[in-house]
Amino acid sequence: MIDYCLKFKDQAEADKVLADINASIDVIGTIHKPTGKMLKDEDGNEYPAFAAIDGYHVNVRAGEEIPALDTYKIEPKTPLRVWA
């Protein structure tokens, strides 16, 4: 099996590229990361602020290499999700 972590400009681009791909697809979508800032709710409880990182993220598992995905391939240091 070959696993791909992919980053697209947006969902429309991902949908277009993946439309004809015969593989298992795990849509992650937009990833949000903590900004380091704390916010307060109306009761005064603090909670971390999050911001979206660039891109629309998808994992693909295929039985063979798919060269059409190479342009979108990334190698995250700490993937949000991986195939089991």
PDB file of N, CA and C in Angstrom:
ATOM      1  N   MET A   1       0.833  -1.186   0.000  1.00  0.00           N
ATOM      2  CA  MET A   1       0.000   0.000   0.000  1.00  0.00           C
ATOM      3  C   MET A   1       0.878   1.250   0.000  1.00  0.00           C
ATOM      4  N   ILE A   2       0.403   2.259  -0.665  1.00  0.00           N
ATOM      5  CA  ILE A   2       1.099   3.540  -0.714  1.00  0.00           C
ATOM      6  C   ILE A   2       0.175   4.587  -0.100  1.00  0.00           C
ATOM      7  N   ASP A   3       0.697   5.294   0.880  1.00  0.00           N
ATOM      8  CA  ASP A   3      -0.081   6.326   1.556  1.00  0.00           C
ATOM      9  C   ASP A   3       0.394   7.707   1.134  1.00  0.00           C
ATOM     10  N   TYR A   4      -0.561   8.570   0.874  1.00  0.00           N
ATOM     11  CA  TYR A   4      -0.286   9.953   0.501  1.00  0.00           C
ATOM     12  C   TYR A   4      -0.936  10.880   1.519  1.00  0.00           C
ATOM     13  N   CYS A   5      -0.200  11.881   1.965  1.00  0.00           N
ATOM     14  CA  CYS A   5      -0.760  13.024   2.684  1.00  0.00           C
ATOM     15  C   CYS A   5      -0.763  14.153   1.665  1.00  0.00           C
ATOM     16  N   LEU A   6      -1.944  14.692   1.395  1.00  0.00           N
ATOM     17  CA  LEU A   6      -2.081  15.668   0.323  1.00  0.00           C
ATOM     18  C   LEU A   6      -2.607  16.996   0.840  1.00  0.00           C
ATOM     19  N   LYS A   7      -2.161  18.059   0.198  1.00  0.00           N
ATOM     20  CA  LYS A   7      -2.637  19.406   0.517  1.00  0.00           C
ATOM     21  C   LYS A   7      -3.062  20.077  -0.783  1.00  0.00           C
ATOM     22  N   PHE A   8      -4.313  20.504  -0.811  1.00  0.00           N
ATOM     23  CA  PHE A   8      -4.872  21.195  -1.963  1.00  0.00           C
ATOM     24  C   PHE A   8      -5.160  22.642  -1.598  1.00  0.00           C
ATOM     25  N   LYS A   9      -5.392  23.465  -2.604  1.00  0.00           N
ATOM     26  CA  LYS A   9      -5.735  24.871  -2.389  1.00  0.00           C
ATOM     27  C   LYS A   9      -7.056  24.977  -1.640  1.00  0.00           C
ATOM     28  N   ASP A  10      -8.034  24.167  -2.056  1.00  0.00           N
ATOM     29  CA  ASP A  10      -9.362  24.194  -1.439  1.00  0.00           C
ATOM     30  C   ASP A  10     -10.094  22.897  -1.781  1.00  0.00           C
ATOM     31  N   GLN A  11     -11.321  22.766  -1.293  1.00  0.00           N
ATOM     32  CA  GLN A  11     -12.090  21.552  -1.526  1.00  0.00           C
ATOM     33  C   GLN A  11     -12.390  21.344  -3.009  1.00  0.00           C
ATOM     34  N   ALA A  12     -12.670  22.400  -3.726  1.00  0.00           N
ATOM     35  CA  ALA A  12     -12.974  22.270  -5.153  1.00  0.00           C
ATOM     36  C   ALA A  12     -11.803  21.640  -5.908  1.00  0.00           C
ATOM     37  N   GLU A  13     -10.589  22.077  -5.592  1.00  0.00           N
ATOM     38  CA  GLU A  13      -9.413  21.501  -6.251  1.00  0.00           C
ATOM     39  C   GLU A  13      -9.262  20.028  -5.876  1.00  0.00           C
ATOM     40  N   ALA A  14      -9.448  19.711  -4.596  1.00  0.00           N
ATOM     41  CA  ALA A  14      -9.346  18.323  -4.145  1.00  0.00           C
ATOM     42  C   ALA A  14     -10.378  17.450  -4.859  1.00  0.00           C
ATOM     43  N   ASP A  15     -11.611  17.918  -4.912  1.00  0.00           N
ATOM     44  CA  ASP A  15     -12.669  17.150  -5.571  1.00  0.00           C
ATOM     45  C   ASP A  15     -12.340  16.892  -7.037  1.00  0.00           C
ATOM     46  N   LYS A  16     -11.817  17.899  -7.711  1.00  0.00           N
ATOM     47  CA  LYS A  16     -11.482  17.766  -9.128  1.00  0.00           C
ATOM     48  C   LYS A  16     -10.361  16.742  -9.342  1.00  0.00           C
ATOM     49  N   VAL A  17      -9.301  16.853  -8.545  1.00  0.00           N
ATOM     50  CA  VAL A  17      -8.141  15.964  -8.699  1.00  0.00           C
ATOM     51  C   VAL A  17      -8.491  14.527  -8.309  1.00  0.00           C
ATOM     52  N   LEU A  18      -9.288  14.361  -7.259  1.00  0.00           N
ATOM     53  CA  LEU A  18      -9.569  13.029  -6.728  1.00  0.00           C
ATOM     54  C   LEU A  18     -10.769  12.345  -7.381  1.00  0.00           C
ATOM     55  N   ALA A  19     -11.477  13.038  -8.261  1.00  0.00           N
ATOM     56  CA  ALA A  19     -12.701  12.501  -8.867  1.00  0.00           C
ATOM     57  C   ALA A  19     -12.492  11.151  -9.548  1.00  0.00           C
ATOM     58  N   ASP A  20     -11.379  10.977 -10.222  1.00  0.00           N
ATOM     59  CA  ASP A  20     -11.145   9.745 -10.979  1.00  0.00           C
ATOM     60  C   ASP A  20     -10.118   8.828 -10.319  1.00  0.00           C
ATOM     61  N   ILE A  21      -9.782   9.112  -9.062  1.00  0.00           N
ATOM     62  CA  ILE A  21      -8.788   8.306  -8.353  1.00  0.00           C
ATOM     63  C   ILE A  21      -9.480   7.085  -7.750  1.00  0.00           C
ATOM     64  N   ASN A  22      -8.946   5.899  -8.048  1.00  0.00           N
ATOM     65  CA  ASN A  22      -9.480   4.664  -7.497  1.00  0.00           C
ATOM     66  C   ASN A  22      -8.617   4.266  -6.303  1.00  0.00           C
ATOM     67  N   ALA A  23      -8.986   4.771  -5.124  1.00  0.00           N
ATOM     68  CA  ALA A  23      -8.213   4.530  -3.914  1.00  0.00           C
ATOM     69  C   ALA A  23      -9.088   4.846  -2.710  1.00  0.00           C
ATOM     70  N   SER A  24      -8.584   4.526  -1.525  1.00  0.00           N
ATOM     71  CA  SER A  24      -9.273   4.896  -0.289  1.00  0.00           C
ATOM     72  C   SER A  24      -8.931   6.342   0.021  1.00  0.00           C
ATOM     73  N   ILE A  25      -9.956   7.127   0.333  1.00  0.00           N
ATOM     74  CA  ILE A  25      -9.772   8.561   0.560  1.00  0.00           C
ATOM     75  C   ILE A  25     -10.286   8.932   1.939  1.00  0.00           C
ATOM     76  N   ASP A  26      -9.441   9.627   2.704  1.00  0.00           N
ATOM     77  CA  ASP A  26      -9.791  10.114   4.042  1.00  0.00           C
ATOM     78  C   ASP A  26      -9.713  11.637   4.006  1.00  0.00           C
ATOM     79  N   VAL A  27     -10.867  12.294   3.948  1.00  0.00           N
ATOM     80  CA  VAL A  27     -10.906  13.753   3.884  1.00  0.00           C
ATOM     81  C   VAL A  27     -10.717  14.321   5.288  1.00  0.00           C
ATOM     82  N   ILE A  28      -9.691  15.121   5.462  1.00  0.00           N
ATOM     83  CA  ILE A  28      -9.450  15.811   6.726  1.00  0.00           C
ATOM     84  C   ILE A  28     -10.034  17.214   6.650  1.00  0.00           C
ATOM     85  N   GLY A  29      -9.870  17.850   5.501  1.00  0.00           N
ATOM     86  CA  GLY A  29     -10.411  19.192   5.302  1.00  0.00           C
ATOM     87  C   GLY A  29      -9.486  20.265   5.837  1.00  0.00           C
ATOM     88  N   THR A  30     -10.074  21.268   6.468  1.00  0.00           N
ATOM     89  CA  THR A  30      -9.299  22.374   7.029  1.00  0.00           C
ATOM     90  C   THR A  30      -8.779  21.968   8.397  1.00  0.00           C
ATOM     91  N   ILE A  31      -7.509  22.221   8.628  1.00  0.00           N
ATOM     92  CA  ILE A  31      -6.885  21.914   9.920  1.00  0.00           C
ATOM     93  C   ILE A  31      -6.731  23.208  10.698  1.00  0.00           C
ATOM     94  N   HIS A  32      -7.086  23.156  11.971  1.00  0.00           N
ATOM     95  CA  HIS A  32      -6.960  24.313  12.859  1.00  0.00           C
ATOM     96  C   HIS A  32      -5.890  24.028  13.905  1.00  0.00           C
ATOM     97  N   LYS A  33      -5.043  25.010  14.141  1.00  0.00           N
ATOM     98  CA  LYS A  33      -3.966  24.894  15.132  1.00  0.00           C
ATOM     99  C   LYS A  33      -4.116  25.999  16.165  1.00  0.00           C
ATOM    100  N   PRO A  34      -3.686  25.731  17.409  1.00  0.00           N
ATOM    101  CA  PRO A  34      -3.726  26.777  18.440  1.00  0.00           C
ATOM    102  C   PRO A  34      -2.824  27.955  18.061  1.00  0.00           C
ATOM    103  N   THR A  35      -3.273  29.155  18.370  1.00  0.00           N
ATOM    104  CA  THR A  35      -2.488  30.355  18.061  1.00  0.00           C
ATOM    105  C   THR A  35      -1.547  30.741  19.191  1.00  0.00           C
ATOM    106  N   GLY A  36      -1.774  30.160  20.368  1.00  0.00           N
ATOM    107  CA  GLY A  36      -0.989  30.544  21.543  1.00  0.00           C
ATOM    108  C   GLY A  36      -1.704  31.597  22.384  1.00  0.00           C
ATOM    109  N   LYS A  37      -2.780  32.141  21.866  1.00  0.00           N
ATOM    110  CA  LYS A  37      -3.564  33.135  22.595  1.00  0.00           C
ATOM    111  C   LYS A  37      -4.708  32.450  23.329  1.00  0.00           C
ATOM    112  N   MET A  38      -5.114  33.050  24.417  1.00  0.00           N
ATOM    113  CA  MET A  38      -6.245  32.543  25.179  1.00  0.00           C
ATOM    114  C   MET A  38      -7.402  33.534  25.055  1.00  0.00           C
ATOM    115  N   LEU A  39      -8.600  32.998  24.957  1.00  0.00           N
ATOM    116  CA  LEU A  39      -9.814  33.793  24.889  1.00  0.00           C
ATOM    117  C   LEU A  39     -10.668  33.483  26.113  1.00  0.00           C
ATOM    118  N   LYS A  40     -11.670  34.313  26.342  1.00  0.00           N
ATOM    119  CA  LYS A  40     -12.592  34.064  27.451  1.00  0.00           C
ATOM    120  C   LYS A  40     -14.011  33.999  26.913  1.00  0.00           C
ATOM    121  N   ASP A  41     -14.787  33.039  27.443  1.00  0.00           N
ATOM    122  CA  ASP A  41     -16.190  32.974  27.065  1.00  0.00           C
ATOM    123  C   ASP A  41     -16.997  33.925  27.948  1.00  0.00           C
ATOM    124  N   GLU A  42     -18.301  33.945  27.750  1.00  0.00           N
ATOM    125  CA  GLU A  42     -19.150  34.900  28.473  1.00  0.00           C
ATOM    126  C   GLU A  42     -19.179  34.658  29.982  1.00  0.00           C
ATOM    127  N   ASP A  43     -18.754  33.462  30.421  1.00  0.00           N
ATOM    128  CA  ASP A  43     -18.701  33.165  31.854  1.00  0.00           C
ATOM    129  C   ASP A  43     -17.316  33.414  32.445  1.00  0.00           C
ATOM    130  N   GLY A  44     -16.393  33.887  31.614  1.00  0.00           N
ATOM    131  CA  GLY A  44     -15.045  34.160  32.088  1.00  0.00           C
ATOM    132  C   GLY A  44     -14.096  32.976  32.008  1.00  0.00           C
ATOM    133  N   ASN A  45     -14.541  31.862  31.428  1.00  0.00           N
ATOM    134  CA  ASN A  45     -13.683  30.686  31.281  1.00  0.00           C
ATOM    135  C   ASN A  45     -12.731  30.885  30.111  1.00  0.00           C
ATOM    136  N   GLU A  46     -11.475  30.571  30.329  1.00  0.00           N
ATOM    137  CA  GLU A  46     -10.483  30.707  29.258  1.00  0.00           C
ATOM    138  C   GLU A  46     -10.463  29.462  28.382  1.00  0.00           C
ATOM    139  N   TYR A  47     -10.179  29.689  27.108  1.00  0.00           N
ATOM    140  CA  TYR A  47     -10.009  28.605  26.161  1.00  0.00           C
ATOM    141  C   TYR A  47      -9.044  29.066  25.074  1.00  0.00           C
ATOM    142  N   PRO A  48      -8.328  28.122  24.457  1.00  0.00           N
ATOM    143  CA  PRO A  48      -7.335  28.504  23.456  1.00  0.00           C
ATOM    144  C   PRO A  48      -7.975  28.967  22.149  1.00  0.00           C
ATOM    145  N   ALA A  49      -7.365  29.966  21.535  1.00  0.00           N
ATOM    146  CA  ALA A  49      -7.790  30.430  20.211  1.00  0.00           C
ATOM    147  C   ALA A  49      -7.151  29.530  19.153  1.00  0.00           C
ATOM    148  N   PHE A  50      -7.905  29.233  18.116  1.00  0.00           N
ATOM    149  CA  PHE A  50      -7.413  28.422  17.005  1.00  0.00           C
ATOM    150  C   PHE A  50      -7.528  29.214  15.709  1.00  0.00           C
ATOM    151  N   ALA A  51      -6.642  28.890  14.769  1.00  0.00           N
ATOM    152  CA  ALA A  51      -6.684  29.510  13.445  1.00  0.00           C
ATOM    153  C   ALA A  51      -6.470  28.418  12.397  1.00  0.00           C
ATOM    154  N   ALA A  52      -7.130  28.568  11.268  1.00  0.00           N
ATOM    155  CA  ALA A  52      -6.983  27.612  10.170  1.00  0.00           C
ATOM    156  C   ALA A  52      -5.609  27.765   9.535  1.00  0.00           C
ATOM    157  N   ILE A  53      -5.009  26.632   9.192  1.00  0.00           N
ATOM    158  CA  ILE A  53      -3.769  26.691   8.422  1.00  0.00           C
ATOM    159  C   ILE A  53      -4.151  26.589   6.948  1.00  0.00           C
ATOM    160  N   ASP A  54      -3.279  27.027   6.086  1.00  0.00           N
ATOM    161  CA  ASP A  54      -3.560  27.039   4.648  1.00  0.00           C
ATOM    162  C   ASP A  54      -3.832  25.638   4.117  1.00  0.00           C
ATOM    163  N   GLY A  55      -4.754  25.553   3.202  1.00  0.00           N
ATOM    164  CA  GLY A  55      -4.968  24.324   2.460  1.00  0.00           C
ATOM    165  C   GLY A  55      -6.144  23.487   2.909  1.00  0.00           C
ATOM    166  N   TYR A  56      -6.431  22.494   2.075  1.00  0.00           N
ATOM    167  CA  TYR A  56      -7.482  21.519   2.300  1.00  0.00           C
ATOM    168  C   TYR A  56      -6.787  20.165   2.247  1.00  0.00           C
ATOM    169  N   HIS A  57      -6.890  19.386   3.309  1.00  0.00           N
ATOM    170  CA  HIS A  57      -6.047  18.206   3.494  1.00  0.00           C
ATOM    171  C   HIS A  57      -6.817  16.904   3.311  1.00  0.00           C
ATOM    172  N   VAL A  58      -6.161  15.957   2.629  1.00  0.00           N
ATOM    173  CA  VAL A  58      -6.761  14.660   2.324  1.00  0.00           C
ATOM    174  C   VAL A  58      -5.662  13.603   2.392  1.00  0.00           C
ATOM    175  N   ASN A  59      -5.993  12.451   2.969  1.00  0.00           N
ATOM    176  CA  ASN A  59      -5.099  11.300   2.930  1.00  0.00           C
ATOM    177  C   ASN A  59      -5.640  10.317   1.901  1.00  0.00           C
ATOM    178  N   VAL A  60      -4.751   9.679   1.160  1.00  0.00           N
ATOM    179  CA  VAL A  60      -5.134   8.682   0.171  1.00  0.00           C
ATOM    180  C   VAL A  60      -4.281   7.444   0.384  1.00  0.00           C
ATOM    181  N   ARG A  61      -4.916   6.277   0.331  1.00  0.00           N
ATOM    182  CA  ARG A  61      -4.203   4.993   0.376  1.00  0.00           C
ATOM    183  C   ARG A  61      -4.516   4.270  -0.926  1.00  0.00           C
ATOM    184  N   ALA A  62      -3.454   3.915  -1.648  1.00  0.00           N
ATOM    185  CA  ALA A  62      -3.611   3.280  -2.959  1.00  0.00           C
ATOM    186  C   ALA A  62      -2.771   2.012  -3.034  1.00  0.00           C
ATOM    187  N   GLY A  63      -3.168   1.125  -3.924  1.00  0.00           N
ATOM    188  CA  GLY A  63      -2.436  -0.111  -4.139  1.00  0.00           C
ATOM    189  C   GLY A  63      -1.195   0.075  -4.995  1.00  0.00           C
ATOM    190  N   GLU A  64      -1.127   1.201  -5.675  1.00  0.00           N
ATOM    191  CA  GLU A  64       0.038   1.509  -6.518  1.00  0.00           C
ATOM    192  C   GLU A  64       0.234   3.015  -6.548  1.00  0.00           C
ATOM    193  N   GLU A  65       1.397   3.433  -7.018  1.00  0.00           N
ATOM    194  CA  GLU A  65       1.683   4.871  -7.080  1.00  0.00           C
ATOM    195  C   GLU A  65       0.709   5.567  -8.027  1.00  0.00           C
ATOM    196  N   ILE A  66       0.361   6.800  -7.666  1.00  0.00           N
ATOM    197  CA  ILE A  66      -0.522   7.621  -8.497  1.00  0.00           C
ATOM    198  C   ILE A  66       0.234   8.912  -8.800  1.00  0.00           C
ATOM    199  N   PRO A  67       0.964   8.964  -9.919  1.00  0.00           N
ATOM    200  CA  PRO A  67       1.778  10.141 -10.239  1.00  0.00           C
ATOM    201  C   PRO A  67       1.004  11.457 -10.250  1.00  0.00           C
ATOM    202  N   ALA A  68      -0.282  11.426 -10.560  1.00  0.00           N
ATOM    203  CA  ALA A  68      -1.085  12.655 -10.605  1.00  0.00           C
ATOM    204  C   ALA A  68      -1.183  13.325  -9.228  1.00  0.00           C
ATOM    205  N   LEU A  69      -0.877  12.591  -8.151  1.00  0.00           N
ATOM    206  CA  LEU A  69      -0.964  13.159  -6.803  1.00  0.00           C
ATOM    207  C   LEU A  69       0.352  13.765  -6.329  1.00  0.00           C
ATOM    208  N   ASP A  70       1.437  13.521  -7.041  1.00  0.00           N
ATOM    209  CA  ASP A  70       2.754  13.983  -6.600  1.00  0.00           C
ATOM    210  C   ASP A  70       2.816  15.496  -6.361  1.00  0.00           C
ATOM    211  N   THR A  71       2.124  16.264  -7.162  1.00  0.00           N
ATOM    212  CA  THR A  71       2.120  17.725  -7.036  1.00  0.00           C
ATOM    213  C   THR A  71       1.558  18.173  -5.689  1.00  0.00           C
ATOM    214  N   TYR A  72       0.675  17.389  -5.110  1.00  0.00           N
ATOM    215  CA  TYR A  72      -0.041  17.776  -3.895  1.00  0.00           C
ATOM    216  C   TYR A  72       0.509  17.094  -2.639  1.00  0.00           C
ATOM    217  N   LYS A  73       1.479  16.230  -2.811  1.00  0.00           N
ATOM    218  CA  LYS A  73       2.021  15.437  -1.705  1.00  0.00           C
ATOM    219  C   LYS A  73       2.803  16.317  -0.727  1.00  0.00           C
ATOM    220  N   ILE A  74       2.540  16.097   0.569  1.00  0.00           N
ATOM    221  CA  ILE A  74       3.288  16.767   1.627  1.00  0.00           C
ATOM    222  C   ILE A  74       3.758  15.707   2.610  1.00  0.00           C
ATOM    223  N   GLU A  75       4.710  16.061   3.447  1.00  0.00           N
ATOM    224  CA  GLU A  75       5.204  15.153   4.474  1.00  0.00           C
ATOM    225  C   GLU A  75       5.158  15.855   5.826  1.00  0.00           C
ATOM    226  N   PRO A  76       3.978  15.836   6.474  1.00  0.00           N
ATOM    227  CA  PRO A  76       3.860  16.513   7.767  1.00  0.00           C
ATOM    228  C   PRO A  76       4.710  15.835   8.838  1.00  0.00           C
ATOM    229  N   LYS A  77       5.302  16.641   9.722  1.00  0.00           N
ATOM    230  CA  LYS A  77       6.111  16.094  10.820  1.00  0.00           C
ATOM    231  C   LYS A  77       5.251  15.308  11.793  1.00  0.00           C
ATOM    232  N   THR A  78       4.060  15.815  12.055  1.00  0.00           N
ATOM    233  CA  THR A  78       3.121  15.137  12.956  1.00  0.00           C
ATOM    234  C   THR A  78       1.748  15.097  12.293  1.00  0.00           C
ATOM    235  N   PRO A  79       1.496  14.062  11.492  1.00  0.00           N
ATOM    236  CA  PRO A  79       0.217  13.974  10.784  1.00  0.00           C
ATOM    237  C   PRO A  79      -0.971  13.977  11.757  1.00  0.00           C
ATOM    238  N   LEU A  80      -2.040  14.626  11.353  1.00  0.00           N
ATOM    239  CA  LEU A  80      -3.247  14.676  12.170  1.00  0.00           C
ATOM    240  C   LEU A  80      -3.891  13.291  12.252  1.00  0.00           C
ATOM    241  N   ARG A  81      -3.936  12.591  11.114  1.00  0.00           N
ATOM    242  CA  ARG A  81      -4.453  11.214  11.061  1.00  0.00           C
ATOM    243  C   ARG A  81      -3.588  10.400  10.126  1.00  0.00           C
ATOM    244  N   VAL A  82      -3.458   9.119  10.449  1.00  0.00           N
ATOM    245  CA  VAL A  82      -2.724   8.179   9.592  1.00  0.00           C
ATOM    246  C   VAL A  82      -3.572   6.924   9.423  1.00  0.00           C
ATOM    247  N   TRP A  83      -3.257   6.166   8.390  1.00  0.00           N
ATOM    248  CA  TRP A  83      -3.946   4.899   8.154  1.00  0.00           C
ATOM    249  C   TRP A  83      -3.514   3.877   9.181  1.00  0.00           C
ATOM    250  N   ALA A  84      -4.433   3.089   9.681  1.00  0.00           N
ATOM    251  CA  ALA A  84      -4.111   2.050  10.678  1.00  0.00           C
ATOM    252  C   ALA A  84      -3.724   0.764   9.997  1.00  0.00           C
TER     253      ALA A  84
END
